Amino acid sequence: MDVPISIGVLLAYGLSLYETVHRGEHTHFDASVTLLFFLLIGRTLDHLVCARPIGGIRPGARGAMVLRADLSRDYLPTDEIERGMRIPLAPGERVPVDARIEAGTSDIDCSLVTGEGDPRQVAAGAELLSGTLNLTAPLTIVATATARDSFLCEMMRLVETAENARPAPVNISDKVAGLYAPVVPAAAALALLGWLASAGDPPALPGRH
């Protein structure tokens, strides 16, 4: 699509510049600028729509406090959390990796994972998926998976795979577009050459007086 649009804009601008220099009656600067304006609006909206699914599942925890055997606490990035590590989870914090509750009772917001808006009450022994949000009370959880093997990371991989998948209609349209780009400008150029050969003067272009 960029090829015919670029050719059209450049020709319209070049002809308008020629008309301006030679004090002609017709210019088309506004047409080329308007076309580019609406094209950029479409590209921007397309980018926002494509980026939204991934953005909707990104708010996982970037790291968490880890309880060591000597009861000291270290902050680790999510990617460095390993299975079996004990994590104190305060209210308002997201579960960094898939984990099991070792101690405590609280309400968990699972909307990011399941889409359900109502909190779910959990207690010791319950399994938590990464990305869920602790709401009401502190918990001590034990990691049962690394970040790479956790639910949230797997969900992101599935979404990215779905976005990159190309259905059959898209492949067909790409093949048609591959023919459209060279054929349409070539046909237009041949039509112009044929008109010049038969009439001798280029056709009058619509414009403003």
N, C-alpha and C. Protein backbone atom coordinates (compact mmCIF):
# COMPACT_ATOMS: atom_id res chain seq x y z
N MET A 1 0.82 -1.21 0.00
CA MET A 1 0.00 0.00 0.00
C MET A 1 0.86 1.26 0.00
N ASP A 2 2.04 1.18 0.59
CA ASP A 2 2.88 2.37 0.67
C ASP A 2 3.37 2.84 -0.69
N VAL A 3 3.55 1.89 -1.62
CA VAL A 3 4.10 2.27 -2.94
C VAL A 3 3.15 3.18 -3.71
N PRO A 4 1.89 2.78 -3.96
CA PRO A 4 1.01 3.70 -4.71
C PRO A 4 0.72 4.99 -3.96
N ILE A 5 0.64 4.91 -2.62
CA ILE A 5 0.40 6.14 -1.85
C ILE A 5 1.58 7.10 -1.99
N SER A 6 2.79 6.57 -1.89
CA SER A 6 3.98 7.42 -2.02
C SER A 6 4.06 8.03 -3.40
N ILE A 7 3.78 7.23 -4.42
CA ILE A 7 3.82 7.76 -5.80
C ILE A 7 2.77 8.84 -5.98
N GLY A 8 1.56 8.58 -5.48
CA GLY A 8 0.49 9.57 -5.62
C GLY A 8 0.80 10.88 -4.91
N VAL A 9 1.34 10.78 -3.70
CA VAL A 9 1.66 11.99 -2.93
C VAL A 9 2.79 12.78 -3.61
N LEU A 10 3.82 12.07 -4.05
CA LEU A 10 4.95 12.74 -4.69
C LEU A 10 4.53 13.39 -6.01
N LEU A 11 3.71 12.70 -6.79
CA LEU A 11 3.26 13.29 -8.05
C LEU A 11 2.37 14.51 -7.80
N ALA A 12 1.47 14.39 -6.81
CA ALA A 12 0.60 15.53 -6.51
C ALA A 12 1.41 16.73 -6.02
N TYR A 13 2.39 16.46 -5.18
CA TYR A 13 3.24 17.55 -4.67
C TYR A 13 4.09 18.14 -5.79
N GLY A 14 4.69 17.28 -6.62
CA GLY A 14 5.52 17.77 -7.71
C GLY A 14 4.73 18.58 -8.72
N LEU A 15 3.53 18.10 -9.07
CA LEU A 15 2.70 18.86 -10.01
C LEU A 15 2.26 20.18 -9.40
N SER A 16 1.92 20.18 -8.13
CA SER A 16 1.52 21.42 -7.46
C SER A 16 2.68 22.41 -7.42
N LEU A 17 3.89 21.91 -7.15
CA LEU A 17 5.05 22.78 -7.14
C LEU A 17 5.31 23.37 -8.53
N TYR A 18 5.16 22.53 -9.54
CA TYR A 18 5.33 23.00 -10.92
C TYR A 18 4.31 24.08 -11.25
N GLU A 19 3.05 23.85 -10.87
CA GLU A 19 1.99 24.83 -11.13
C GLU A 19 2.26 26.14 -10.39
N THR A 20 2.77 26.02 -9.16
CA THR A 20 3.06 27.23 -8.38
C THR A 20 4.17 28.05 -9.03
N VAL A 21 5.25 27.38 -9.45
CA VAL A 21 6.38 28.09 -10.07
C VAL A 21 5.96 28.76 -11.37
N HIS A 22 5.09 28.11 -12.14
CA HIS A 22 4.67 28.65 -13.44
C HIS A 22 3.34 29.40 -13.36
N ARG A 23 2.96 29.77 -12.14
CA ARG A 23 1.74 30.55 -11.94
C ARG A 23 0.51 29.86 -12.55
N GLY A 24 0.43 28.55 -12.34
CA GLY A 24 -0.71 27.81 -12.85
C GLY A 24 -1.95 28.01 -11.99
N GLU A 25 -3.05 27.45 -12.47
CA GLU A 25 -4.34 27.64 -11.78
C GLU A 25 -4.64 26.54 -10.77
N HIS A 26 -4.02 25.39 -10.90
CA HIS A 26 -4.41 24.24 -10.09
C HIS A 26 -3.24 23.76 -9.23
N THR A 27 -3.47 23.65 -7.94
CA THR A 27 -2.51 23.04 -7.02
C THR A 27 -3.23 22.03 -6.14
N HIS A 28 -2.45 21.07 -5.64
CA HIS A 28 -3.05 19.97 -4.88
C HIS A 28 -2.23 19.67 -3.62
N PHE A 29 -1.62 20.70 -3.03
CA PHE A 29 -0.88 20.49 -1.78
C PHE A 29 -1.80 19.95 -0.69
N ASP A 30 -3.02 20.48 -0.62
CA ASP A 30 -3.94 20.06 0.44
C ASP A 30 -4.31 18.59 0.31
N ALA A 31 -4.44 18.10 -0.92
CA ALA A 31 -4.82 16.70 -1.11
C ALA A 31 -3.73 15.76 -0.61
N SER A 32 -2.47 16.05 -0.92
CA SER A 32 -1.39 15.17 -0.48
C SER A 32 -1.23 15.21 1.04
N VAL A 33 -1.36 16.39 1.64
CA VAL A 33 -1.23 16.50 3.09
C VAL A 33 -2.39 15.79 3.80
N THR A 34 -3.60 15.96 3.27
CA THR A 34 -4.78 15.30 3.87
C THR A 34 -4.66 13.80 3.80
N LEU A 35 -4.18 13.28 2.67
CA LEU A 35 -4.00 11.83 2.54
C LEU A 35 -3.03 11.29 3.58
N LEU A 36 -1.90 11.98 3.74
CA LEU A 36 -0.92 11.55 4.74
C LEU A 36 -1.47 11.66 6.15
N PHE A 37 -2.27 12.70 6.40
CA PHE A 37 -2.86 12.89 7.73
C PHE A 37 -3.75 11.71 8.11
N PHE A 38 -4.66 11.32 7.22
CA PHE A 38 -5.56 10.21 7.52
C PHE A 38 -4.81 8.89 7.55
N LEU A 39 -3.77 8.75 6.74
CA LEU A 39 -2.98 7.52 6.77
C LEU A 39 -2.29 7.35 8.12
N LEU A 40 -1.72 8.43 8.64
CA LEU A 40 -1.03 8.36 9.93
C LEU A 40 -2.02 8.10 11.07
N ILE A 41 -3.22 8.66 10.98
CA ILE A 41 -4.24 8.36 11.99
C ILE A 41 -4.55 6.87 12.00
N GLY A 42 -4.73 6.29 10.82
CA GLY A 42 -5.00 4.85 10.74
C GLY A 42 -3.87 4.01 11.28
N ARG A 43 -2.62 4.40 10.97
CA ARG A 43 -1.48 3.65 11.49
C ARG A 43 -1.40 3.74 13.01
N THR A 44 -1.69 4.92 13.55
CA THR A 44 -1.64 5.10 15.01
C THR A 44 -2.69 4.24 15.71
N LEU A 45 -3.91 4.25 15.19
CA LEU A 45 -4.98 3.44 15.79
C LEU A 45 -4.65 1.95 15.69
N ASP A 46 -4.10 1.54 14.56
CA ASP A 46 -3.73 0.14 14.39
C ASP A 46 -2.67 -0.27 15.39
N HIS A 47 -1.69 0.61 15.62
CA HIS A 47 -0.64 0.31 16.59
C HIS A 47 -1.21 0.19 18.01
N LEU A 48 -2.13 1.09 18.36
CA LEU A 48 -2.71 1.05 19.70
C LEU A 48 -3.51 -0.22 19.92
N VAL A 49 -4.28 -0.63 18.91
CA VAL A 49 -5.10 -1.83 19.03
C VAL A 49 -4.23 -3.08 19.14
N CYS A 50 -3.15 -3.12 18.36
CA CYS A 50 -2.27 -4.30 18.39
C CYS A 50 -1.50 -4.39 19.70
N ALA A 51 -1.18 -3.25 20.29
CA ALA A 51 -0.38 -3.26 21.52
C ALA A 51 -1.22 -3.51 22.76
N ARG A 52 -2.53 -3.36 22.67
CA ARG A 52 -3.38 -3.45 23.87
C ARG A 52 -3.41 -4.84 24.49
N PRO A 53 -3.54 -5.97 23.71
CA PRO A 53 -3.61 -7.28 24.38
C PRO A 53 -2.40 -7.58 25.24
N ILE A 54 -1.18 -7.31 24.73
CA ILE A 54 0.01 -7.57 25.53
C ILE A 54 0.05 -6.65 26.73
N GLY A 55 -0.30 -5.37 26.54
CA GLY A 55 -0.28 -4.43 27.64
C GLY A 55 -1.23 -4.80 28.75
N GLY A 56 -2.32 -5.54 28.39
CA GLY A 56 -3.31 -5.90 29.39
C GLY A 56 -2.85 -6.96 30.36
N ILE A 57 -1.77 -7.70 30.03
CA ILE A 57 -1.33 -8.77 30.93
C ILE A 57 0.10 -8.54 31.42
N ARG A 58 0.61 -7.33 31.25
CA ARG A 58 1.98 -7.07 31.67
C ARG A 58 2.15 -6.70 33.14
N PRO A 59 1.11 -6.28 33.89
CA PRO A 59 1.39 -5.75 35.22
C PRO A 59 1.72 -6.81 36.26
N GLY A 60 2.66 -7.67 35.97
CA GLY A 60 3.14 -8.62 36.96
C GLY A 60 4.18 -7.96 37.85
N ALA A 61 4.54 -8.65 38.95
CA ALA A 61 5.53 -8.09 39.86
C ALA A 61 6.91 -8.13 39.23
N ARG A 62 7.67 -7.06 39.38
CA ARG A 62 9.04 -7.02 38.86
C ARG A 62 10.02 -7.71 39.79
N GLY A 63 9.64 -7.89 41.04
CA GLY A 63 10.51 -8.55 42.00
C GLY A 63 9.77 -8.78 43.30
N ALA A 64 10.45 -9.38 44.28
CA ALA A 64 9.79 -9.66 45.56
C ALA A 64 10.85 -9.86 46.63
N MET A 65 10.44 -9.67 47.90
CA MET A 65 11.29 -9.97 49.04
C MET A 65 11.33 -11.48 49.24
N VAL A 66 12.48 -12.01 49.54
CA VAL A 66 12.65 -13.45 49.75
C VAL A 66 13.18 -13.67 51.16
N LEU A 67 12.56 -14.62 51.88
CA LEU A 67 13.00 -14.97 53.24
C LEU A 67 14.08 -16.04 53.17
N ARG A 68 15.25 -15.72 53.71
CA ARG A 68 16.34 -16.68 53.74
C ARG A 68 16.20 -17.60 54.96
N ALA A 69 17.06 -18.61 55.02
CA ALA A 69 17.00 -19.58 56.12
C ALA A 69 17.30 -18.92 57.45
N ASP A 70 18.14 -17.87 57.45
CA ASP A 70 18.47 -17.17 58.70
C ASP A 70 17.47 -16.04 59.00
N LEU A 71 16.33 -16.04 58.30
CA LEU A 71 15.25 -15.07 58.46
C LEU A 71 15.59 -13.67 57.94
N SER A 72 16.73 -13.55 57.26
CA SER A 72 17.03 -12.27 56.60
C SER A 72 16.19 -12.16 55.33
N ARG A 73 16.07 -10.94 54.86
CA ARG A 73 15.24 -10.68 53.68
C ARG A 73 16.09 -10.06 52.57
N ASP A 74 15.93 -10.56 51.38
CA ASP A 74 16.61 -10.02 50.21
C ASP A 74 15.57 -9.75 49.12
N TYR A 75 15.76 -8.63 48.43
CA TYR A 75 14.88 -8.33 47.30
C TYR A 75 15.50 -8.92 46.04
N LEU A 76 14.74 -9.73 45.33
CA LEU A 76 15.23 -10.36 44.10
C LEU A 76 14.31 -10.00 42.94
N PRO A 77 14.87 -9.77 41.76
CA PRO A 77 14.02 -9.64 40.57
C PRO A 77 13.25 -10.93 40.33
N THR A 78 12.13 -10.81 39.69
CA THR A 78 11.27 -11.98 39.48
C THR A 78 12.01 -13.10 38.76
N ASP A 79 12.85 -12.76 37.81
CA ASP A 79 13.56 -13.79 37.03
C ASP A 79 14.55 -14.59 37.87
N GLU A 80 14.93 -14.09 39.06
CA GLU A 80 15.90 -14.78 39.89
C GLU A 80 15.25 -15.60 41.00
N ILE A 81 13.93 -15.56 41.09
CA ILE A 81 13.23 -16.35 42.11
C ILE A 81 13.20 -17.81 41.67
N GLU A 82 13.57 -18.70 42.56
CA GLU A 82 13.62 -20.12 42.25
C GLU A 82 12.58 -20.90 43.05
N ARG A 83 12.32 -22.11 42.62
CA ARG A 83 11.37 -22.97 43.34
C ARG A 83 11.83 -23.20 44.78
N GLY A 84 10.87 -23.18 45.69
CA GLY A 84 11.16 -23.44 47.08
C GLY A 84 11.48 -22.19 47.89
N MET A 85 11.67 -21.06 47.25
CA MET A 85 11.95 -19.83 48.00
C MET A 85 10.70 -19.34 48.70
N ARG A 86 10.86 -18.88 49.94
CA ARG A 86 9.75 -18.36 50.73
C ARG A 86 9.65 -16.85 50.52
N ILE A 87 8.43 -16.38 50.27
CA ILE A 87 8.21 -14.97 49.92
C ILE A 87 7.14 -14.38 50.83
N PRO A 88 7.44 -13.32 51.58
CA PRO A 88 6.39 -12.62 52.33
C PRO A 88 5.62 -11.71 51.37
N LEU A 89 4.33 -11.86 51.33
CA LEU A 89 3.50 -11.11 50.38
C LEU A 89 2.58 -10.17 51.16
N ALA A 90 2.85 -8.89 51.08
CA ALA A 90 2.04 -7.89 51.80
C ALA A 90 0.77 -7.57 51.02
N PRO A 91 -0.23 -7.01 51.69
CA PRO A 91 -1.44 -6.58 50.98
C PRO A 91 -1.09 -5.53 49.92
N GLY A 92 -1.68 -5.68 48.75
CA GLY A 92 -1.41 -4.76 47.65
C GLY A 92 -0.31 -5.23 46.72
N GLU A 93 0.35 -6.35 47.04
CA GLU A 93 1.41 -6.88 46.18
C GLU A 93 0.88 -8.01 45.31
N ARG A 94 1.44 -8.13 44.12
CA ARG A 94 1.06 -9.21 43.22
C ARG A 94 1.96 -10.42 43.45
N VAL A 95 1.41 -11.59 43.22
CA VAL A 95 2.17 -12.83 43.34
C VAL A 95 3.19 -12.87 42.19
N PRO A 96 4.49 -12.90 42.47
CA PRO A 96 5.48 -12.79 41.40
C PRO A 96 5.60 -14.03 40.53
N VAL A 97 5.47 -15.21 41.14
CA VAL A 97 5.56 -16.48 40.41
C VAL A 97 4.48 -17.41 40.98
N ASP A 98 4.20 -18.48 40.28
CA ASP A 98 3.25 -19.46 40.81
C ASP A 98 3.75 -19.94 42.17
N ALA A 99 2.83 -20.01 43.14
CA ALA A 99 3.26 -20.30 44.51
C ALA A 99 2.16 -21.01 45.29
N ARG A 100 2.53 -21.50 46.47
CA ARG A 100 1.59 -22.13 47.41
C ARG A 100 1.66 -21.37 48.72
N ILE A 101 0.50 -21.14 49.33
CA ILE A 101 0.45 -20.39 50.58
C ILE A 101 0.96 -21.28 51.72
N GLU A 102 1.95 -20.78 52.44
CA GLU A 102 2.48 -21.51 53.59
C GLU A 102 1.82 -21.07 54.88
N ALA A 103 1.52 -19.77 55.00
CA ALA A 103 0.88 -19.27 56.22
C ALA A 103 0.08 -18.02 55.88
N GLY A 104 -1.07 -17.88 56.58
CA GLY A 104 -1.88 -16.68 56.42
C GLY A 104 -3.19 -16.95 55.69
N THR A 105 -4.11 -16.02 55.86
CA THR A 105 -5.41 -16.07 55.19
C THR A 105 -5.69 -14.68 54.63
N SER A 106 -6.15 -14.62 53.40
CA SER A 106 -6.36 -13.33 52.78
C SER A 106 -7.35 -13.47 51.63
N ASP A 107 -7.74 -12.33 51.06
CA ASP A 107 -8.55 -12.30 49.85
C ASP A 107 -7.64 -12.00 48.66
N ILE A 108 -7.87 -12.70 47.57
CA ILE A 108 -7.03 -12.58 46.39
C ILE A 108 -7.87 -12.08 45.21
N ASP A 109 -7.34 -11.10 44.50
CA ASP A 109 -7.98 -10.60 43.28
C ASP A 109 -7.39 -11.39 42.10
N CYS A 110 -8.24 -12.18 41.47
CA CYS A 110 -7.79 -13.02 40.35
C CYS A 110 -8.25 -12.47 39.00
N SER A 111 -8.66 -11.20 38.95
CA SER A 111 -9.23 -10.65 37.71
C SER A 111 -8.23 -10.68 36.56
N LEU A 112 -6.96 -10.49 36.84
CA LEU A 112 -5.96 -10.50 35.78
C LEU A 112 -5.84 -11.89 35.17
N VAL A 113 -6.10 -12.92 35.97
CA VAL A 113 -5.92 -14.30 35.51
C VAL A 113 -7.20 -14.88 34.95
N THR A 114 -8.30 -14.72 35.69
CA THR A 114 -9.56 -15.37 35.31
C THR A 114 -10.59 -14.40 34.75
N GLY A 115 -10.41 -13.09 34.99
CA GLY A 115 -11.40 -12.12 34.55
C GLY A 115 -12.53 -11.92 35.55
N GLU A 116 -12.54 -12.66 36.65
CA GLU A 116 -13.59 -12.54 37.65
C GLU A 116 -13.29 -11.35 38.57
N GLY A 117 -14.30 -10.52 38.80
CA GLY A 117 -14.10 -9.33 39.61
C GLY A 117 -14.18 -9.56 41.10
N ASP A 118 -14.86 -10.62 41.53
CA ASP A 118 -15.03 -10.86 42.97
C ASP A 118 -13.78 -11.49 43.57
N PRO A 119 -13.30 -10.97 44.72
CA PRO A 119 -12.12 -11.56 45.36
C PRO A 119 -12.40 -12.99 45.82
N ARG A 120 -11.34 -13.77 45.95
CA ARG A 120 -11.45 -15.16 46.40
C ARG A 120 -10.63 -15.31 47.69
N GLN A 121 -11.26 -15.88 48.72
CA GLN A 121 -10.55 -16.06 49.99
C GLN A 121 -9.68 -17.31 49.91
N VAL A 122 -8.43 -17.17 50.37
CA VAL A 122 -7.49 -18.29 50.32
C VAL A 122 -6.85 -18.44 51.69
N ALA A 123 -6.33 -19.64 51.94
CA ALA A 123 -5.67 -19.94 53.22
C ALA A 123 -4.48 -20.84 52.95
N ALA A 124 -3.82 -21.28 54.01
CA ALA A 124 -2.63 -22.11 53.89
C ALA A 124 -2.93 -23.35 53.05
N GLY A 125 -2.02 -23.65 52.12
CA GLY A 125 -2.18 -24.80 51.25
C GLY A 125 -2.76 -24.47 49.89
N ALA A 126 -3.34 -23.29 49.73
CA ALA A 126 -3.94 -22.91 48.45
C ALA A 126 -2.85 -22.56 47.44
N GLU A 127 -3.13 -22.86 46.18
CA GLU A 127 -2.21 -22.55 45.10
C GLU A 127 -2.55 -21.18 44.51
N LEU A 128 -1.54 -20.38 44.26
CA LEU A 128 -1.72 -19.05 43.69
C LEU A 128 -1.00 -18.97 42.35
N LEU A 129 -1.62 -18.32 41.39
CA LEU A 129 -1.01 -18.12 40.08
C LEU A 129 -0.34 -16.75 40.03
N SER A 130 0.75 -16.67 39.31
CA SER A 130 1.44 -15.39 39.17
C SER A 130 0.51 -14.37 38.53
N GLY A 131 0.61 -13.13 39.02
CA GLY A 131 -0.24 -12.06 38.51
C GLY A 131 -1.45 -11.77 39.37
N THR A 132 -1.82 -12.71 40.25
CA THR A 132 -2.94 -12.43 41.16
C THR A 132 -2.50 -11.44 42.23
N LEU A 133 -3.47 -10.73 42.81
CA LEU A 133 -3.18 -9.62 43.72
C LEU A 133 -3.66 -9.93 45.13
N ASN A 134 -2.76 -9.81 46.10
CA ASN A 134 -3.13 -9.97 47.50
C ASN A 134 -3.83 -8.71 47.99
N LEU A 135 -4.99 -8.87 48.64
CA LEU A 135 -5.80 -7.70 48.97
C LEU A 135 -5.80 -7.32 50.44
N THR A 136 -6.02 -8.26 51.35
CA THR A 136 -6.41 -7.85 52.70
C THR A 136 -5.43 -8.16 53.82
N ALA A 137 -4.61 -9.19 53.70
CA ALA A 137 -3.75 -9.58 54.83
C ALA A 137 -2.43 -10.13 54.31
N PRO A 138 -1.37 -10.04 55.14
CA PRO A 138 -0.07 -10.57 54.71
C PRO A 138 -0.10 -12.09 54.61
N LEU A 139 0.67 -12.59 53.65
CA LEU A 139 0.78 -14.03 53.43
C LEU A 139 2.26 -14.41 53.34
N THR A 140 2.54 -15.65 53.65
CA THR A 140 3.85 -16.22 53.36
C THR A 140 3.63 -17.31 52.33
N ILE A 141 4.28 -17.16 51.19
CA ILE A 141 4.07 -18.12 50.11
C ILE A 141 5.40 -18.77 49.74
N VAL A 142 5.31 -19.94 49.11
CA VAL A 142 6.49 -20.68 48.67
C VAL A 142 6.40 -20.84 47.16
N ALA A 143 7.44 -20.41 46.44
CA ALA A 143 7.44 -20.48 44.99
C ALA A 143 7.40 -21.94 44.52
N THR A 144 6.49 -22.23 43.60
CA THR A 144 6.39 -23.58 43.03
C THR A 144 6.85 -23.62 41.58
N ALA A 145 7.24 -22.47 41.04
CA ALA A 145 7.73 -22.41 39.65
C ALA A 145 8.61 -21.17 39.51
N THR A 146 9.48 -21.20 38.53
CA THR A 146 10.27 -20.01 38.20
C THR A 146 9.41 -19.07 37.37
N ALA A 147 9.92 -17.86 37.18
CA ALA A 147 9.16 -16.88 36.40
C ALA A 147 8.91 -17.38 34.98
N ARG A 148 9.90 -18.05 34.40
CA ARG A 148 9.76 -18.52 33.02
C ARG A 148 8.68 -19.58 32.89
N ASP A 149 8.47 -20.36 33.95
CA ASP A 149 7.49 -21.45 33.90
C ASP A 149 6.15 -21.06 34.53
N SER A 150 6.00 -19.81 34.96
CA SER A 150 4.78 -19.40 35.65
C SER A 150 3.65 -19.13 34.67
N PHE A 151 2.45 -19.04 35.24
CA PHE A 151 1.25 -18.88 34.44
C PHE A 151 1.28 -17.59 33.62
N LEU A 152 1.67 -16.48 34.25
CA LEU A 152 1.62 -15.18 33.57
C LEU A 152 2.56 -15.15 32.38
N CYS A 153 3.75 -15.72 32.52
CA CYS A 153 4.69 -15.75 31.41
C CYS A 153 4.17 -16.63 30.28
N GLU A 154 3.56 -17.75 30.64
CA GLU A 154 2.98 -18.63 29.62
C GLU A 154 1.84 -17.94 28.89
N MET A 155 1.03 -17.19 29.63
CA MET A 155 -0.08 -16.46 29.01
C MET A 155 0.45 -15.42 28.03
N MET A 156 1.51 -14.72 28.39
CA MET A 156 2.10 -13.73 27.50
C MET A 156 2.63 -14.38 26.23
N ARG A 157 3.23 -15.55 26.37
CA ARG A 157 3.73 -16.26 25.19
C ARG A 157 2.59 -16.67 24.27
N LEU A 158 1.48 -17.12 24.84
CA LEU A 158 0.34 -17.51 24.03
C LEU A 158 -0.26 -16.32 23.28
N VAL A 159 -0.36 -15.17 23.98
CA VAL A 159 -0.90 -13.98 23.33
C VAL A 159 0.00 -13.51 22.19
N GLU A 160 1.31 -13.52 22.43
CA GLU A 160 2.24 -13.11 21.39
C GLU A 160 2.17 -14.05 20.19
N THR A 161 2.01 -15.36 20.46
CA THR A 161 1.88 -16.32 19.36
C THR A 161 0.61 -16.07 18.57
N ALA A 162 -0.49 -15.78 19.28
CA ALA A 162 -1.75 -15.52 18.60
C ALA A 162 -1.68 -14.25 17.77
N GLU A 163 -0.99 -13.23 18.29
CA GLU A 163 -0.88 -11.97 17.53
C GLU A 163 -0.02 -12.13 16.29
N ASN A 164 1.00 -12.98 16.37
CA ASN A 164 1.90 -13.16 15.24
C ASN A 164 1.39 -14.17 14.22
N ALA A 165 0.37 -14.94 14.60
CA ALA A 165 -0.19 -15.91 13.67
C ALA A 165 -0.87 -15.19 12.51
N ARG A 166 -0.70 -15.70 11.32
CA ARG A 166 -1.27 -15.07 10.14
C ARG A 166 -2.33 -16.00 9.54
N PRO A 167 -3.62 -15.65 9.67
CA PRO A 167 -4.67 -16.49 9.11
C PRO A 167 -4.62 -16.50 7.58
N ALA A 168 -5.33 -17.45 6.99
CA ALA A 168 -5.32 -17.61 5.54
C ALA A 168 -5.75 -16.36 4.78
N PRO A 169 -6.83 -15.64 5.21
CA PRO A 169 -7.20 -14.41 4.48
C PRO A 169 -6.09 -13.38 4.44
N VAL A 170 -5.30 -13.29 5.52
CA VAL A 170 -4.20 -12.32 5.54
C VAL A 170 -3.13 -12.71 4.54
N ASN A 171 -2.82 -14.02 4.47
CA ASN A 171 -1.83 -14.47 3.51
C ASN A 171 -2.29 -14.21 2.07
N ILE A 172 -3.58 -14.42 1.81
CA ILE A 172 -4.11 -14.16 0.47
C ILE A 172 -4.01 -12.68 0.14
N SER A 173 -4.38 -11.82 1.11
CA SER A 173 -4.32 -10.38 0.86
C SER A 173 -2.88 -9.92 0.64
N ASP A 174 -1.91 -10.54 1.33
CA ASP A 174 -0.51 -10.19 1.11
C ASP A 174 -0.07 -10.55 -0.30
N LYS A 175 -0.52 -11.70 -0.81
CA LYS A 175 -0.17 -12.09 -2.17
C LYS A 175 -0.79 -11.14 -3.19
N VAL A 176 -2.06 -10.77 -2.94
CA VAL A 176 -2.71 -9.82 -3.85
C VAL A 176 -2.01 -8.47 -3.81
N ALA A 177 -1.62 -8.03 -2.60
CA ALA A 177 -0.92 -6.75 -2.48
C ALA A 177 0.42 -6.79 -3.19
N GLY A 178 1.08 -7.96 -3.20
CA GLY A 178 2.34 -8.07 -3.91
C GLY A 178 2.19 -7.85 -5.40
N LEU A 179 1.03 -8.22 -5.96
CA LEU A 179 0.75 -7.95 -7.37
C LEU A 179 0.23 -6.54 -7.57
N TYR A 180 -0.50 -6.05 -6.59
CA TYR A 180 -1.13 -4.72 -6.71
C TYR A 180 -0.09 -3.62 -6.82
N ALA A 181 0.96 -3.69 -6.02
CA ALA A 181 1.95 -2.61 -5.97
C ALA A 181 2.61 -2.37 -7.33
N PRO A 182 3.11 -3.40 -8.03
CA PRO A 182 3.74 -3.10 -9.33
C PRO A 182 2.75 -2.93 -10.47
N VAL A 183 1.61 -3.64 -10.40
CA VAL A 183 0.68 -3.62 -11.54
C VAL A 183 -0.04 -2.28 -11.67
N VAL A 184 -0.53 -1.73 -10.56
CA VAL A 184 -1.32 -0.50 -10.64
C VAL A 184 -0.49 0.69 -11.13
N PRO A 185 0.72 0.96 -10.56
CA PRO A 185 1.52 2.07 -11.12
C PRO A 185 1.91 1.84 -12.58
N ALA A 186 2.22 0.58 -12.92
CA ALA A 186 2.58 0.30 -14.32
C ALA A 186 1.40 0.55 -15.25
N ALA A 187 0.21 0.12 -14.83
CA ALA A 187 -0.98 0.34 -15.66
C ALA A 187 -1.27 1.83 -15.81
N ALA A 188 -1.10 2.58 -14.71
CA ALA A 188 -1.32 4.02 -14.78
C ALA A 188 -0.32 4.70 -15.71
N ALA A 189 0.95 4.27 -15.63
CA ALA A 189 1.97 4.85 -16.50
C ALA A 189 1.69 4.52 -17.96
N LEU A 190 1.28 3.29 -18.24
CA LEU A 190 0.94 2.92 -19.61
C LEU A 190 -0.26 3.70 -20.13
N ALA A 191 -1.24 3.92 -19.25
CA ALA A 191 -2.41 4.69 -19.66
C ALA A 191 -2.02 6.13 -19.99
N LEU A 192 -1.11 6.71 -19.20
CA LEU A 192 -0.66 8.07 -19.46
C LEU A 192 0.12 8.14 -20.77
N LEU A 193 1.01 7.18 -21.00
CA LEU A 193 1.79 7.17 -22.25
C LEU A 193 0.87 6.97 -23.45
N GLY A 194 -0.11 6.10 -23.30
CA GLY A 194 -1.06 5.89 -24.39
C GLY A 194 -1.87 7.14 -24.69
N TRP A 195 -2.27 7.84 -23.63
CA TRP A 195 -3.04 9.08 -23.84
C TRP A 195 -2.18 10.14 -24.52
N LEU A 196 -0.93 10.27 -24.06
CA LEU A 196 -0.03 11.26 -24.68
C LEU A 196 0.23 10.92 -26.14
N ALA A 197 0.37 9.62 -26.42
CA ALA A 197 0.64 9.23 -27.80
C ALA A 197 -0.54 9.51 -28.72
N SER A 198 -1.76 9.40 -28.15
CA SER A 198 -2.94 9.59 -28.99
C SER A 198 -3.44 11.02 -29.02
N ALA A 199 -3.27 11.76 -27.90
CA ALA A 199 -3.83 13.11 -27.83
C ALA A 199 -2.77 14.20 -27.87
N GLY A 200 -1.61 13.92 -27.38
CA GLY A 200 -0.55 14.90 -27.44
C GLY A 200 -0.44 15.80 -26.23
N ASP A 201 -1.50 15.99 -25.45
CA ASP A 201 -1.48 16.84 -24.27
C ASP A 201 -1.95 16.02 -23.07
N PRO A 202 -1.39 16.27 -21.92
CA PRO A 202 -1.85 15.56 -20.73
C PRO A 202 -3.26 15.97 -20.36
N PRO A 203 -4.03 15.08 -19.73
CA PRO A 203 -5.41 15.42 -19.35
C PRO A 203 -5.44 16.51 -18.31
N ALA A 204 -6.50 17.31 -18.37
CA ALA A 204 -6.67 18.37 -17.36
C ALA A 204 -7.00 17.76 -16.02
N LEU A 205 -6.35 18.23 -14.98
CA LEU A 205 -6.59 17.73 -13.63
C LEU A 205 -7.57 18.63 -12.91
N PRO A 206 -8.49 18.04 -12.13
CA PRO A 206 -9.44 18.89 -11.38
C PRO A 206 -8.72 19.70 -10.33
N GLY A 207 -9.23 20.86 -10.04
CA GLY A 207 -8.60 21.69 -9.03
C GLY A 207 -9.46 22.89 -8.74
N ARG A 208 -8.88 23.85 -8.00
CA ARG A 208 -9.60 25.04 -7.64
C ARG A 208 -9.12 26.21 -8.48
N HIS A 209 -9.98 27.12 -8.77
CA HIS A 209 -9.61 28.32 -9.51
C HIS A 209 -9.40 29.45 -8.52
